[in-house]
Amino acid sequence: MKTIKDIAKLANISAGTVDRVLHNRGGVSEKTKKLVNQIIKDSGFEPNLIGRNLKLNKEYNLVVLIPFSNEDSPFWIFPKQGIEKAIKEVSHFGAKVDVRYFDQYDPKSFEKELVAVLSLEGVDGLIISPHFVKESIKHKNLFKKLKVPYTFINTDLDGFNNASFVGQDSFKSGYLSAKLFDISQTKESTILIITALQEIENYHILDSRIKGFRKYFEEKPSSLLKIETLEIAKFGENITKDLTKKLITNNDIKGIFVPSIKINIVAEYLDEFEIEMDTVVGYDLTIDNLKYLKSGVITFLIGQEPFNQGYNSVKLMFDHLAHNTDLKSKYISPIHVIVKENSEYHI
């Protein structure tokens, strides 16, 4: 039976390129795709059987560190599903993937798991979500001691020697969000940015989104829109009291920006008290967010293909280790603008 290596030799390409064709992961020219598929067809073998019958001479051990998913952090359900799919595929090659979790609202939980992962022996590659900036920087010396490649997923930090990053450009997504407000609100009014973190600068993604949002209006001083912020202790507990007070004291607020998945909490409030906004923008297509998008309470959601972030982070690292494929410094996820009319195509 032919293996990926046999096909790669016939096509005069790398085994990693053949694997990309077999699993439809892009980055391969149409000419090469046709050549590989023709060789497979002429050989009379099924692509899945070819992939599954390749056994590597070395067993590769990968470790993934991401936040756990639950009702409070539903976003990570999707990268987790992508990771699980990738694990099924690479396991056919004899690879092993150990997935570890931390609480994305608890820096100590992250720090404990990070130190444990960075201190492991017998690991060939790491995929890490460096969710908390301070704690990541605090243990930068452990990163420097690593003798294996590591990839950052979802959160991109500067100043580290990570082999690659898989995720969205948070700054640009915030910049785009601001433009959506500027386009949809043509009258003089105020946009309210709502956050629920005491140390927003330690949550790199949210901080970057807000910086991108503000940068847009800094570059467009002629805009009729003003920006105010509302910081609450925690979504769901103080939202009614704090947001009501803010809206009463400022009748000009006609737009709300929540730079996180928690937009559904604000949408629920607006829906319950029948408060109309010109524009409401948040992140990620969860079941709750979709509900309010379809009802018209949420105007726009920013999507980032989280399933693919999880899937690609594992597959790319495995290909790099097993097939010696190059890792690009960044694999940037698309910035999808989702409205109720196109939401079904993003589910």
Protein backbone atom coordinates (compact mmCIF):
# COMPACT_ATOMS: atom_id res chain seq x y z
CA MET A 1 0.00 0.00 0.00
CA LYS A 2 1.29 3.47 -0.87
CA THR A 3 2.10 5.91 1.90
CA ILE A 4 2.30 9.68 1.97
CA LYS A 5 6.06 9.36 1.49
CA ASP A 6 5.54 7.28 -1.67
CA ILE A 7 3.18 9.87 -3.12
CA ALA A 8 5.52 12.71 -2.14
CA LYS A 9 8.39 11.00 -3.95
CA LEU A 10 6.34 10.50 -7.13
CA ALA A 11 5.17 14.11 -7.07
CA ASN A 12 8.60 15.45 -6.10
CA ILE A 13 7.15 17.36 -3.14
CA SER A 14 7.35 17.06 0.64
CA ALA A 15 5.26 14.63 2.68
CA GLY A 16 3.82 17.62 4.51
CA THR A 17 2.47 19.06 1.26
CA VAL A 18 0.79 15.73 0.45
CA ASP A 19 -0.77 15.74 3.91
CA ARG A 20 -2.13 19.25 3.33
CA VAL A 21 -3.78 18.10 0.10
CA LEU A 22 -5.27 15.03 1.78
CA HIS A 23 -6.83 17.11 4.52
CA ASN A 24 -7.83 20.14 2.42
CA ARG A 25 -5.92 22.62 4.57
CA GLY A 26 -4.91 25.10 1.89
CA GLY A 27 -1.53 26.61 1.15
CA VAL A 28 -1.03 24.36 -1.87
CA SER A 29 -1.20 25.41 -5.52
CA GLU A 30 -3.94 24.04 -7.75
CA LYS A 31 -1.30 22.46 -9.98
CA THR A 32 0.17 20.50 -7.06
CA LYS A 33 -3.30 19.49 -5.83
CA LYS A 34 -4.19 18.08 -9.23
CA LEU A 35 -0.91 16.20 -9.44
CA VAL A 36 -1.31 14.61 -6.00
CA ASN A 37 -4.95 13.70 -6.58
CA GLN A 38 -4.09 12.18 -9.96
CA ILE A 39 -1.36 10.01 -8.40
CA ILE A 40 -3.84 8.87 -5.74
CA LYS A 41 -6.46 8.12 -8.38
CA ASP A 42 -4.03 6.20 -10.60
CA SER A 43 -2.87 4.18 -7.60
CA GLY A 44 -6.44 3.22 -6.72
CA PHE A 45 -6.14 4.04 -3.05
CA GLU A 46 -8.44 6.06 -0.79
CA PRO A 47 -6.77 9.22 0.62
CA ASN A 48 -7.92 8.45 4.17
CA LEU A 49 -6.34 5.01 4.05
CA ILE A 50 -3.11 6.45 2.76
CA GLY A 51 -2.94 8.97 5.60
CA ARG A 52 -3.84 6.43 8.25
CA ASN A 53 -1.27 3.89 7.13
CA LEU A 54 1.65 6.24 7.51
CA LYS A 55 3.50 5.41 10.71
CA LEU A 56 6.31 7.70 11.69
CA ASN A 57 9.66 6.47 12.97
CA LYS A 58 9.33 8.82 15.96
CA GLU A 59 6.44 9.30 18.33
CA TYR A 60 5.76 13.02 18.74
CA ASN A 61 4.36 14.42 21.98
CA LEU A 62 2.51 17.72 21.88
CA VAL A 63 1.06 19.65 24.81
CA VAL A 64 -1.74 22.21 24.53
CA LEU A 65 -2.60 24.78 27.22
CA ILE A 66 -5.90 26.64 26.81
CA PRO A 67 -8.73 27.95 29.02
CA PHE A 68 -11.40 25.42 29.88
CA SER A 69 -14.85 25.98 28.41
CA ASN A 70 -18.08 26.34 30.37
CA GLU A 71 -21.11 28.62 30.53
CA ASP A 72 -18.92 31.56 31.59
CA SER A 73 -16.38 30.98 28.82
CA PRO A 74 -18.25 29.43 25.86
CA PHE A 75 -15.79 30.75 23.28
CA TRP A 76 -13.26 28.03 24.10
CA ILE A 77 -15.72 25.31 23.20
CA PHE A 78 -14.90 25.95 19.55
CA PRO A 79 -11.06 25.90 19.63
CA LYS A 80 -11.37 22.79 21.82
CA GLN A 81 -13.48 21.09 19.16
CA GLY A 82 -10.91 22.01 16.51
CA ILE A 83 -8.10 20.67 18.68
CA GLU A 84 -10.01 17.43 19.21
CA LYS A 85 -10.46 16.98 15.46
CA ALA A 86 -6.75 17.57 14.86
CA ILE A 87 -5.87 15.11 17.62
CA LYS A 88 -7.89 12.39 15.89
CA GLU A 89 -5.99 13.01 12.67
CA VAL A 90 -2.46 13.18 14.07
CA SER A 91 -3.08 10.19 16.32
CA HIS A 92 -3.24 8.05 13.16
CA PHE A 93 0.41 8.94 12.70
CA GLY A 94 1.28 7.85 16.22
CA ALA A 95 1.34 11.35 17.72
CA LYS A 96 0.11 12.05 21.23
CA VAL A 97 -1.46 15.33 22.35
CA ASP A 98 -1.96 16.25 26.00
CA VAL A 99 -4.51 19.06 26.48
CA ARG A 100 -4.35 20.99 29.75
CA TYR A 101 -6.66 23.73 30.97
CA PHE A 102 -6.78 26.83 33.17
CA ASP A 103 -9.43 29.25 34.37
CA GLN A 104 -9.36 32.26 32.05
CA TYR A 105 -10.63 34.50 34.88
CA ASP A 106 -7.97 33.40 37.36
CA PRO A 107 -4.34 34.49 36.78
CA LYS A 108 -3.11 32.10 39.47
CA SER A 109 -4.74 29.15 37.71
CA PHE A 110 -3.01 30.15 34.48
CA GLU A 111 0.35 30.68 36.14
CA LYS A 112 0.26 27.30 37.88
CA GLU A 113 -0.51 25.41 34.65
CA LEU A 114 1.92 27.49 32.59
CA VAL A 115 4.85 26.72 34.89
CA ALA A 116 3.93 23.03 34.89
CA VAL A 117 3.74 22.87 31.09
CA LEU A 118 6.97 24.80 30.52
CA SER A 119 8.77 22.46 32.93
CA LEU A 120 7.67 19.22 31.26
CA GLU A 121 10.23 16.83 29.82
CA GLY A 122 9.84 14.65 26.75
CA VAL A 123 7.72 17.21 24.89
CA ASP A 124 8.35 17.92 21.20
CA GLY A 125 6.09 20.95 20.70
CA LEU A 126 3.81 23.26 22.68
CA ILE A 127 0.62 25.18 21.84
CA ILE A 128 -0.14 27.81 24.49
CA SER A 129 -2.75 30.50 24.96
CA PRO A 130 -0.77 33.18 26.89
CA HIS A 131 -3.99 34.63 28.23
CA PHE A 132 -2.51 36.73 31.03
CA VAL A 133 0.24 39.14 30.04
CA LYS A 134 1.86 39.72 33.43
CA GLU A 135 2.08 36.04 34.32
CA SER A 136 3.45 35.17 30.88
CA ILE A 137 6.15 37.82 31.10
CA LYS A 138 6.93 36.79 34.68
CA HIS A 139 7.99 33.34 33.45
CA LYS A 140 9.71 34.49 30.30
CA ASN A 141 12.89 32.80 31.48
CA LEU A 142 11.15 29.42 31.27
CA PHE A 143 10.15 30.17 27.69
CA LYS A 144 13.77 31.05 26.89
CA LYS A 145 14.95 27.71 28.25
CA LEU A 146 12.66 25.76 25.95
CA LYS A 147 14.48 23.67 23.37
CA VAL A 148 11.31 22.85 21.46
CA PRO A 149 9.10 25.05 19.25
CA TYR A 150 6.01 26.63 20.74
CA THR A 151 3.00 28.32 19.17
CA PHE A 152 0.72 30.94 20.69
CA ILE A 153 -3.00 30.49 20.03
CA ASN A 154 -5.63 33.26 20.16
CA THR A 155 -3.42 35.70 22.11
CA ASP A 156 -0.38 37.21 20.42
CA LEU A 157 2.34 38.59 22.69
CA ASP A 158 5.40 40.49 21.52
CA GLY A 159 8.87 39.83 22.84
CA PHE A 160 8.67 36.04 22.90
CA ASN A 161 10.46 33.57 20.67
CA ASN A 162 7.33 31.64 19.71
CA ALA A 163 7.57 29.81 16.40
CA SER A 164 4.19 31.09 15.26
CA PHE A 165 0.86 32.61 16.26
CA VAL A 166 -2.59 31.34 15.28
CA GLY A 167 -5.44 33.76 15.86
CA GLN A 168 -7.04 37.06 15.00
CA ASP A 169 -5.41 40.49 14.88
CA SER A 170 -7.21 41.92 17.92
CA PHE A 171 -6.14 45.51 17.28
CA LYS A 172 -7.49 45.48 13.72
CA SER A 173 -10.74 43.85 14.81
CA GLY A 174 -11.26 46.68 17.31
CA TYR A 175 -10.40 49.21 14.62
CA LEU A 176 -12.97 47.64 12.29
CA SER A 177 -15.59 47.66 15.05
CA ALA A 178 -15.16 51.42 15.41
CA LYS A 179 -15.63 51.85 11.67
CA LEU A 180 -18.91 49.93 11.86
CA PHE A 181 -20.19 52.47 14.39
CA ASP A 182 -18.97 55.38 12.29
CA ILE A 183 -20.73 54.04 9.20
CA SER A 184 -24.01 53.13 10.88
CA GLN A 185 -24.39 56.17 13.15
CA THR A 186 -24.53 59.39 11.15
CA LYS A 187 -25.81 61.70 13.91
CA GLU A 188 -23.87 63.17 16.80
CA SER A 189 -24.00 60.71 19.69
CA THR A 190 -21.96 58.71 22.21
CA ILE A 191 -20.65 55.16 22.07
CA LEU A 192 -20.31 53.34 25.38
CA ILE A 193 -17.48 50.81 25.77
CA ILE A 194 -18.34 48.29 28.49
CA THR A 195 -15.70 46.16 30.21
CA ALA A 196 -15.84 44.02 33.32
CA LEU A 197 -12.19 43.58 34.25
CA GLN A 198 -10.31 45.54 36.88
CA GLU A 199 -6.97 45.12 35.13
CA ILE A 200 -7.90 45.31 31.48
CA GLU A 201 -4.24 45.66 30.44
CA ASN A 202 -3.56 42.12 31.67
CA TYR A 203 -6.12 40.69 29.25
CA HIS A 204 -4.17 41.29 26.07
CA ILE A 205 -6.95 40.60 23.57
CA LEU A 206 -9.52 42.91 25.15
CA ASP A 207 -6.93 45.61 25.67
CA SER A 208 -5.84 45.39 22.02
CA ARG A 209 -9.42 45.56 20.77
CA ILE A 210 -10.10 48.71 22.77
CA LYS A 211 -6.85 50.30 21.61
CA GLY A 212 -7.76 49.55 18.00
CA PHE A 213 -11.23 50.99 18.57
CA ARG A 214 -9.87 54.22 19.98
CA LYS A 215 -7.19 54.46 17.30
CA TYR A 216 -9.85 54.64 14.60
CA PHE A 217 -11.44 57.73 16.12
CA GLU A 218 -8.06 59.29 16.85
CA GLU A 219 -7.39 59.12 13.12
CA LYS A 220 -10.82 60.57 12.34
CA PRO A 221 -11.31 63.65 14.52
CA SER A 222 -14.14 64.82 12.23
CA SER A 223 -16.36 61.97 13.44
CA LEU A 224 -19.60 62.98 15.16
CA LEU A 225 -19.22 60.17 17.68
CA LYS A 226 -17.82 60.46 21.19
CA ILE A 227 -16.58 57.63 23.39
CA GLU A 228 -17.30 56.90 27.04
CA THR A 229 -16.43 53.85 29.10
CA LEU A 230 -18.21 51.85 31.77
CA GLU A 231 -16.23 49.44 33.95
CA ILE A 232 -18.24 47.02 36.05
CA ALA A 233 -17.04 44.45 38.56
CA LYS A 234 -18.52 41.47 36.77
CA PHE A 235 -21.00 40.86 33.98
CA GLY A 236 -24.35 39.65 35.23
CA GLU A 237 -24.03 41.07 38.74
CA ASN A 238 -23.71 44.84 38.35
CA ILE A 239 -24.94 45.34 34.82
CA THR A 240 -28.49 46.45 35.66
CA LYS A 241 -27.52 48.99 38.30
CA ASP A 242 -24.42 50.41 36.63
CA LEU A 243 -25.69 50.50 33.05
CA THR A 244 -29.03 52.01 34.07
CA LYS A 245 -27.25 54.77 35.94
CA LYS A 246 -24.99 55.45 32.95
CA LEU A 247 -27.85 55.62 30.46
CA ILE A 248 -29.87 57.92 32.71
CA THR A 249 -27.00 60.36 33.15
CA ASN A 250 -26.19 60.44 29.43
CA ASN A 251 -29.10 60.52 27.00
CA ASP A 252 -26.67 60.77 24.06
CA ILE A 253 -25.57 57.12 24.30
CA LYS A 254 -26.82 55.49 21.10
CA GLY A 255 -24.22 52.77 20.65
CA ILE A 256 -22.65 50.08 22.83
CA PHE A 257 -19.39 48.24 22.21
CA VAL A 258 -18.50 45.17 24.26
CA PRO A 259 -15.03 43.91 23.19
CA SER A 260 -15.77 40.36 24.28
CA ILE A 261 -18.11 37.40 24.03
CA LYS A 262 -20.18 38.86 26.91
CA ILE A 263 -22.22 41.06 24.58
CA ASN A 264 -25.20 38.75 25.24
CA ILE A 265 -25.41 40.00 28.86
CA VAL A 266 -25.80 43.59 27.65
CA ALA A 267 -28.21 42.48 24.92
CA GLU A 268 -30.37 40.70 27.49
CA TYR A 269 -30.52 43.92 29.54
CA LEU A 270 -31.47 46.03 26.52
CA ASP A 271 -34.12 43.53 25.50
CA GLU A 272 -35.64 43.22 28.99
CA PHE A 273 -35.97 46.98 29.48
CA GLU A 274 -36.87 47.64 25.82
CA ILE A 275 -33.99 50.06 25.30
CA GLU A 276 -33.18 50.76 21.67
CA MET A 277 -29.66 51.50 20.45
CA ASP A 278 -28.60 52.54 16.96
CA THR A 279 -25.65 50.13 16.99
CA VAL A 280 -24.55 47.31 19.29
CA VAL A 281 -21.33 45.42 18.53
CA GLY A 282 -19.74 42.44 20.27
CA TYR A 283 -17.71 39.31 19.57
CA ASP A 284 -18.24 35.68 18.62
CA LEU A 285 -21.19 33.67 17.41
CA THR A 286 -22.40 31.75 20.45
CA ILE A 287 -25.97 30.47 20.84
CA ASP A 288 -26.90 33.39 23.12
CA ASN A 289 -25.26 35.99 20.89
CA LEU A 290 -26.97 34.53 17.83
CA LYS A 291 -30.35 34.84 19.55
CA TYR A 292 -29.95 38.58 20.06
CA LEU A 293 -28.37 39.08 16.66
CA LYS A 294 -31.42 37.56 14.98
CA SER A 295 -33.82 39.57 17.12
CA GLY A 296 -32.04 42.78 16.15
CA VAL A 297 -30.77 43.76 19.60
CA ILE A 298 -27.18 43.10 18.49
CA THR A 299 -26.28 44.82 15.23
CA PHE A 300 -22.91 43.24 14.44
CA LEU A 301 -20.83 40.38 15.77
CA ILE A 302 -17.13 40.03 15.00
CA GLY A 303 -16.22 36.42 14.23
CA GLN A 304 -12.76 34.85 14.12
CA GLU A 305 -13.15 31.15 13.15
CA PRO A 306 -12.22 29.76 16.59
CA PHE A 307 -12.65 26.13 15.49
CA ASN A 308 -9.94 26.60 12.86
CA GLN A 309 -7.67 28.28 15.39
CA GLY A 310 -7.69 25.14 17.49
CA TYR A 311 -7.43 22.76 14.56
CA ASN A 312 -4.66 24.61 12.74
CA SER A 313 -2.52 25.16 15.84
CA VAL A 314 -2.15 21.42 16.38
CA LYS A 315 -1.91 20.38 12.72
CA LEU A 316 0.63 23.03 11.84
CA MET A 317 2.84 22.13 14.77
CA PHE A 318 2.61 18.43 13.97
CA ASP A 319 3.46 19.01 10.30
CA HIS A 320 6.43 21.09 11.36
CA LEU A 321 7.75 18.34 13.61
CA ALA A 322 6.90 15.27 11.56
CA HIS A 323 7.26 16.56 8.00
CA ASN A 324 9.70 19.45 8.53
CA THR A 325 7.28 21.99 7.07
CA ASP A 326 8.06 25.63 7.74
CA LEU A 327 5.99 27.55 10.26
CA LYS A 328 5.00 31.08 9.33
CA SER A 329 5.33 33.63 12.10
CA LYS A 330 1.60 34.37 12.00
CA TYR A 331 -1.53 32.57 10.81
CA ILE A 332 -4.11 35.33 11.05
CA SER A 333 -7.77 34.40 11.39
CA PRO A 334 -10.29 36.35 9.27
CA ILE A 335 -12.23 39.23 10.79
CA HIS A 336 -15.81 38.29 9.96
CA VAL A 337 -18.56 40.90 10.25
CA ILE A 338 -21.66 38.86 11.07
CA VAL A 339 -25.21 40.19 10.79
CA LYS A 340 -28.49 38.31 11.11
CA GLU A 341 -28.75 37.97 7.31
CA ASN A 342 -25.47 36.05 6.96
CA SER A 343 -25.29 34.39 10.39
CA GLU A 344 -26.35 30.96 9.11
CA TYR A 345 -23.21 30.78 6.97
CA HIS A 346 -20.96 31.23 10.01
CA ILE A 347 -22.51 28.63 12.30
